[in-house]
């Protein structure tokens, strides 16, 4: 699942940018998950609930991207 791997990588990069002094344990505490869960999230592990990815997005001010997950693009033929 290349997309999930990329989501995990983006989470890690965003975490380091927004909270540069936090280690994984500190950020996991902010997020309300275990360090092991955060590690799974940063690997794009499917076993982690989408709820936690959304919580991370909120914490990192990136939640607006979630509204586009299942957005249908209009084509030229749509009314």
C-alpha atoms as a PDB file:
ATOM      1  CA  UNK A   1       0.000   0.000   0.000  1.00  0.00           C
ATOM      2  CA  UNK A   2       2.191   2.791  -1.324  1.00  0.00           C
ATOM      3  CA  UNK A   3      -0.357   5.485  -0.438  1.00  0.00           C
ATOM      4  CA  UNK A   4      -0.447   4.519   3.237  1.00  0.00           C
ATOM      5  CA  UNK A   5       3.342   4.449   3.371  1.00  0.00           C
ATOM      6  CA  UNK A   6       3.340   7.974   1.976  1.00  0.00           C
ATOM      7  CA  UNK A   7       0.721   9.106   4.526  1.00  0.00           C
ATOM      8  CA  UNK A   8       2.907   7.709   7.293  1.00  0.00           C
ATOM      9  CA  UNK A   9       5.989   9.447   5.908  1.00  0.00           C
ATOM     10  CA  UNK A  10       4.088  12.725   5.654  1.00  0.00           C
ATOM     11  CA  UNK A  11       2.923  12.340   9.242  1.00  0.00           C
ATOM     12  CA  UNK A  12       6.504  11.844  10.421  1.00  0.00           C
ATOM     13  CA  UNK A  13       7.771  14.859   8.463  1.00  0.00           C
ATOM     14  CA  UNK A  14       4.921  17.058   9.687  1.00  0.00           C
ATOM     15  CA  UNK A  15       5.442  15.932  13.288  1.00  0.00           C
ATOM     16  CA  UNK A  16       9.128  16.844  13.099  1.00  0.00           C
ATOM     17  CA  UNK A  17       8.375  20.222  11.521  1.00  0.00           C
ATOM     18  CA  UNK A  18       5.600  21.284  13.911  1.00  0.00           C
ATOM     19  CA  UNK A  19       7.026  19.762  17.094  1.00  0.00           C
ATOM     20  CA  UNK A  20      10.800  19.657  16.494  1.00  0.00           C
ATOM     21  CA  UNK A  21      11.631  19.114  20.170  1.00  0.00           C
ATOM     22  CA  UNK A  22       9.247  16.179  20.628  1.00  0.00           C
ATOM     23  CA  UNK A  23      10.549  12.659  20.394  1.00  0.00           C
ATOM     24  CA  UNK A  24       8.116   9.927  19.372  1.00  0.00           C
ATOM     25  CA  UNK A  25       7.034   9.267  22.952  1.00  0.00           C
ATOM     26  CA  UNK A  26       6.269  12.950  23.584  1.00  0.00           C
ATOM     27  CA  UNK A  27       4.267  13.343  20.406  1.00  0.00           C
ATOM     28  CA  UNK A  28       2.407  10.090  21.064  1.00  0.00           C
ATOM     29  CA  UNK A  29       1.457  11.496  24.472  1.00  0.00           C
ATOM     30  CA  UNK A  30       0.167  14.711  22.833  1.00  0.00           C
ATOM     31  CA  UNK A  31      -1.839  12.570  20.433  1.00  0.00           C
ATOM     32  CA  UNK A  32      -3.176  10.289  23.148  1.00  0.00           C
ATOM     33  CA  UNK A  33      -1.776   7.066  21.700  1.00  0.00           C
ATOM     34  CA  UNK A  34       1.062   4.749  22.619  1.00  0.00           C
ATOM     35  CA  UNK A  35       4.497   5.136  21.087  1.00  0.00           C
ATOM     36  CA  UNK A  36       3.954   1.769  19.367  1.00  0.00           C
ATOM     37  CA  UNK A  37       0.745   3.062  17.749  1.00  0.00           C
ATOM     38  CA  UNK A  38       2.531   6.189  16.527  1.00  0.00           C
ATOM     39  CA  UNK A  39       5.261   3.989  15.050  1.00  0.00           C
ATOM     40  CA  UNK A  40       2.606   1.994  13.199  1.00  0.00           C
ATOM     41  CA  UNK A  41       0.986   5.193  11.964  1.00  0.00           C
ATOM     42  CA  UNK A  42       4.286   6.472  10.628  1.00  0.00           C
ATOM     43  CA  UNK A  43       4.746   3.193   8.755  1.00  0.00           C
ATOM     44  CA  UNK A  44       1.248   3.468   7.251  1.00  0.00           C
ATOM     45  CA  UNK A  45      -0.004   0.386   9.091  1.00  0.00           C
ATOM     46  CA  UNK A  46      -3.627  -0.446   8.202  1.00  0.00           C
ATOM     47  CA  UNK A  47      -4.349  -1.818  11.671  1.00  0.00           C
ATOM     48  CA  UNK A  48      -4.449   1.714  13.146  1.00  0.00           C
ATOM     49  CA  UNK A  49      -7.872   3.325  13.277  1.00  0.00           C
ATOM     50  CA  UNK A  50      -8.505   6.226  10.916  1.00  0.00           C
ATOM     51  CA  UNK A  51      -9.619   8.106  14.024  1.00  0.00           C
ATOM     52  CA  UNK A  52      -6.007   8.397  15.166  1.00  0.00           C
ATOM     53  CA  UNK A  53      -4.833   9.636  11.789  1.00  0.00           C
ATOM     54  CA  UNK A  54      -7.551  12.306  11.940  1.00  0.00           C
ATOM     55  CA  UNK A  55      -6.515  13.271  15.485  1.00  0.00           C
ATOM     56  CA  UNK A  56      -2.925  13.632  14.273  1.00  0.00           C
ATOM     57  CA  UNK A  57      -4.114  15.742  11.336  1.00  0.00           C
ATOM     58  CA  UNK A  58      -6.013  18.028  13.725  1.00  0.00           C
ATOM     59  CA  UNK A  59      -2.995  18.346  15.996  1.00  0.00           C
ATOM     60  CA  UNK A  60      -0.845  19.237  12.987  1.00  0.00           C
ATOM     61  CA  UNK A  61      -3.443  21.586  11.442  1.00  0.00           C
ATOM     62  CA  UNK A  62      -3.833  19.340   8.385  1.00  0.00           C
ATOM     63  CA  UNK A  63      -7.403  18.093   8.858  1.00  0.00           C
ATOM     64  CA  UNK A  64      -8.721  19.951   5.801  1.00  0.00           C
ATOM     65  CA  UNK A  65      -7.209  17.190   3.653  1.00  0.00           C
ATOM     66  CA  UNK A  66      -9.575  14.631   5.163  1.00  0.00           C
ATOM     67  CA  UNK A  67     -12.585  16.270   3.531  1.00  0.00           C
ATOM     68  CA  UNK A  68     -11.081  15.465   0.146  1.00  0.00           C
ATOM     69  CA  UNK A  69     -10.603  11.724   0.744  1.00  0.00           C
ATOM     70  CA  UNK A  70     -13.718  10.615  -1.116  1.00  0.00           C
ATOM     71  CA  UNK A  71     -14.471  13.797  -3.014  1.00  0.00           C
ATOM     72  CA  UNK A  72     -15.823  13.194  -6.486  1.00  0.00           C
ATOM     73  CA  UNK A  73     -14.380  15.460  -9.119  1.00  0.00           C
ATOM     74  CA  UNK A  74     -16.870  16.965 -11.496  1.00  0.00           C
ATOM     75  CA  UNK A  75     -16.350  16.159 -15.137  1.00  0.00           C
ATOM     76  CA  UNK A  76     -17.213  18.320 -18.089  1.00  0.00           C
ATOM     77  CA  UNK A  77     -20.334  16.205 -18.575  1.00  0.00           C
ATOM     78  CA  UNK A  78     -21.758  16.695 -15.067  1.00  0.00           C
ATOM     79  CA  UNK A  79     -24.553  19.197 -14.630  1.00  0.00           C
END
